[in-house]
Protein backbone atom coordinates (compact mmCIF):
# COMPACT_ATOMS: atom_id res chain seq x y z
CA MET A 1 -19.08 -21.91 -23.50
CA SER A 2 -15.86 -20.10 -24.10
CA ALA A 3 -12.95 -19.46 -21.75
CA VAL A 4 -12.44 -16.06 -20.16
CA VAL A 5 -9.05 -14.54 -19.33
CA VAL A 6 -8.82 -11.77 -16.74
CA THR A 7 -6.09 -9.38 -15.75
CA ALA A 8 -6.35 -7.40 -12.54
CA VAL A 9 -3.73 -4.78 -11.81
CA PHE A 10 -3.29 -3.91 -8.12
CA TYR A 11 -1.63 -0.69 -6.94
CA PRO A 12 0.12 -1.22 -3.58
CA LYS A 13 0.58 1.63 -1.15
CA PRO A 14 4.21 2.81 -0.96
CA GLY A 15 6.35 0.28 0.88
CA ARG A 16 3.51 -2.25 1.14
CA LYS A 17 4.02 -4.34 -2.02
CA GLN A 18 5.37 -7.42 -0.24
CA GLU A 19 2.55 -7.25 2.33
CA LEU A 20 0.06 -7.02 -0.53
CA ALA A 21 1.62 -10.01 -2.30
CA ASP A 22 1.55 -12.02 0.94
CA ALA A 23 -2.11 -11.12 1.56
CA MET A 24 -3.03 -12.07 -2.01
CA GLN A 25 -1.25 -15.43 -1.76
CA ARG A 26 -3.30 -16.53 1.27
CA GLY A 27 -6.47 -17.06 -0.76
CA ILE A 28 -5.04 -18.43 -3.99
CA ALA A 29 -5.07 -22.10 -2.95
CA ALA A 30 -8.78 -21.86 -2.10
CA VAL A 31 -9.58 -20.24 -5.45
CA HIS A 32 -7.68 -22.99 -7.27
CA THR A 33 -10.34 -25.43 -5.98
CA GLU A 34 -13.24 -23.43 -7.45
CA GLU A 35 -15.11 -25.00 -10.35
CA GLY A 36 -13.94 -23.54 -13.64
CA CYS A 37 -10.66 -22.06 -12.37
CA GLU A 38 -7.94 -22.90 -14.90
CA LEU A 39 -5.37 -20.27 -13.88
CA TYR A 40 -5.15 -17.85 -10.96
CA SER A 41 -1.71 -16.37 -10.42
CA ILE A 42 -0.02 -13.15 -9.36
CA HIS A 43 3.01 -11.45 -10.87
CA ASP A 44 5.38 -8.70 -9.75
CA ALA A 45 5.25 -6.09 -12.52
CA GLU A 46 8.19 -3.81 -13.24
CA ASP A 47 6.02 -0.71 -12.82
CA GLY A 48 5.53 -1.45 -9.10
CA THR A 49 2.11 -3.03 -9.44
CA ILE A 50 1.03 -6.63 -8.88
CA THR A 51 -0.84 -8.17 -11.79
CA MET A 52 -3.17 -11.10 -11.38
CA ILE A 53 -3.79 -13.28 -14.41
CA GLU A 54 -6.79 -15.57 -14.35
CA LYS A 55 -8.39 -18.02 -16.73
CA TRP A 56 -11.88 -19.39 -16.22
CA SER A 57 -13.69 -22.06 -18.21
CA SER A 58 -16.73 -19.80 -18.70
CA VAL A 59 -18.26 -16.44 -17.88
CA GLU A 60 -20.60 -18.24 -15.50
CA ALA A 61 -17.67 -19.72 -13.55
CA LEU A 62 -16.02 -16.30 -13.35
CA ASP A 63 -19.23 -14.64 -12.20
CA THR A 64 -19.68 -17.29 -9.50
CA HIS A 65 -16.10 -16.68 -8.37
CA GLY A 66 -16.75 -12.93 -8.23
CA ASP A 67 -19.59 -13.48 -5.75
CA SER A 68 -17.71 -16.06 -3.66
CA ASP A 69 -16.70 -15.91 -0.01
CA GLN A 70 -13.07 -16.25 -1.11
CA VAL A 71 -13.26 -13.00 -3.09
CA ASN A 72 -14.96 -11.17 -0.24
CA ILE A 73 -12.24 -12.32 2.17
CA PHE A 74 -9.57 -11.40 -0.39
CA ARG A 75 -10.97 -7.88 -0.77
CA ALA A 76 -11.02 -7.40 3.00
CA ASP A 77 -7.45 -8.74 3.34
CA ILE A 78 -6.02 -6.23 0.83
CA ALA A 79 -8.21 -3.17 1.49
CA ASP A 80 -5.62 -1.31 3.59
CA LEU A 81 -2.72 -2.28 1.31
CA VAL A 82 -3.82 -0.71 -1.99
CA GLU A 83 -3.90 2.92 -3.10
CA LYS A 84 -6.89 2.56 -5.40
CA PRO A 85 -9.21 -0.09 -6.84
CA ALA A 86 -7.69 -2.69 -9.13
CA VAL A 87 -8.09 -2.27 -12.87
CA VAL A 88 -9.84 -5.46 -14.00
CA THR A 89 -10.11 -6.46 -17.66
CA ARG A 90 -12.05 -9.46 -19.01
CA MET A 91 -10.86 -10.89 -22.32
CA THR A 92 -11.86 -13.67 -24.70
CA PRO A 93 -8.86 -15.60 -26.06
CA ILE A 94 -8.12 -15.35 -29.78
CA PRO A 95 -6.22 -18.53 -30.69
CA ALA A 96 -3.08 -18.03 -32.77
CA GLY A 97 -0.24 -20.35 -33.68
CA THR A 98 0.06 -23.57 -31.72
CA GLU A 99 -2.43 -24.45 -28.99
CA ALA A 100 0.37 -24.73 -26.43
CA GLN A 101 1.88 -21.34 -27.25
CA GLY A 102 -0.92 -19.31 -28.77
CA LEU A 103 -3.79 -19.87 -26.34
CA LEU A 104 -3.78 -19.01 -22.65
């Protein structure tokens, strides 16, 4: 099995970015306990979006996460705070350089 990295870009409604970030943070601790979760973090992007970066130990772990109660609660928590659906991209790491610096 190979790791999977995910980015999800969220588009907050005008003036609602901090509310969106707060709503997103509520479920992160629960997701961190899910089997296969290696990274699950959010970042304030300079273009006004919030970008989530995830790393999962396998596609199966990510798929299980996608069907979890935590994700359903998360979606409900942010539904009124976003302008449009998040842009989600799944990626397979390509190691380069040192393991510590070249592999997420």
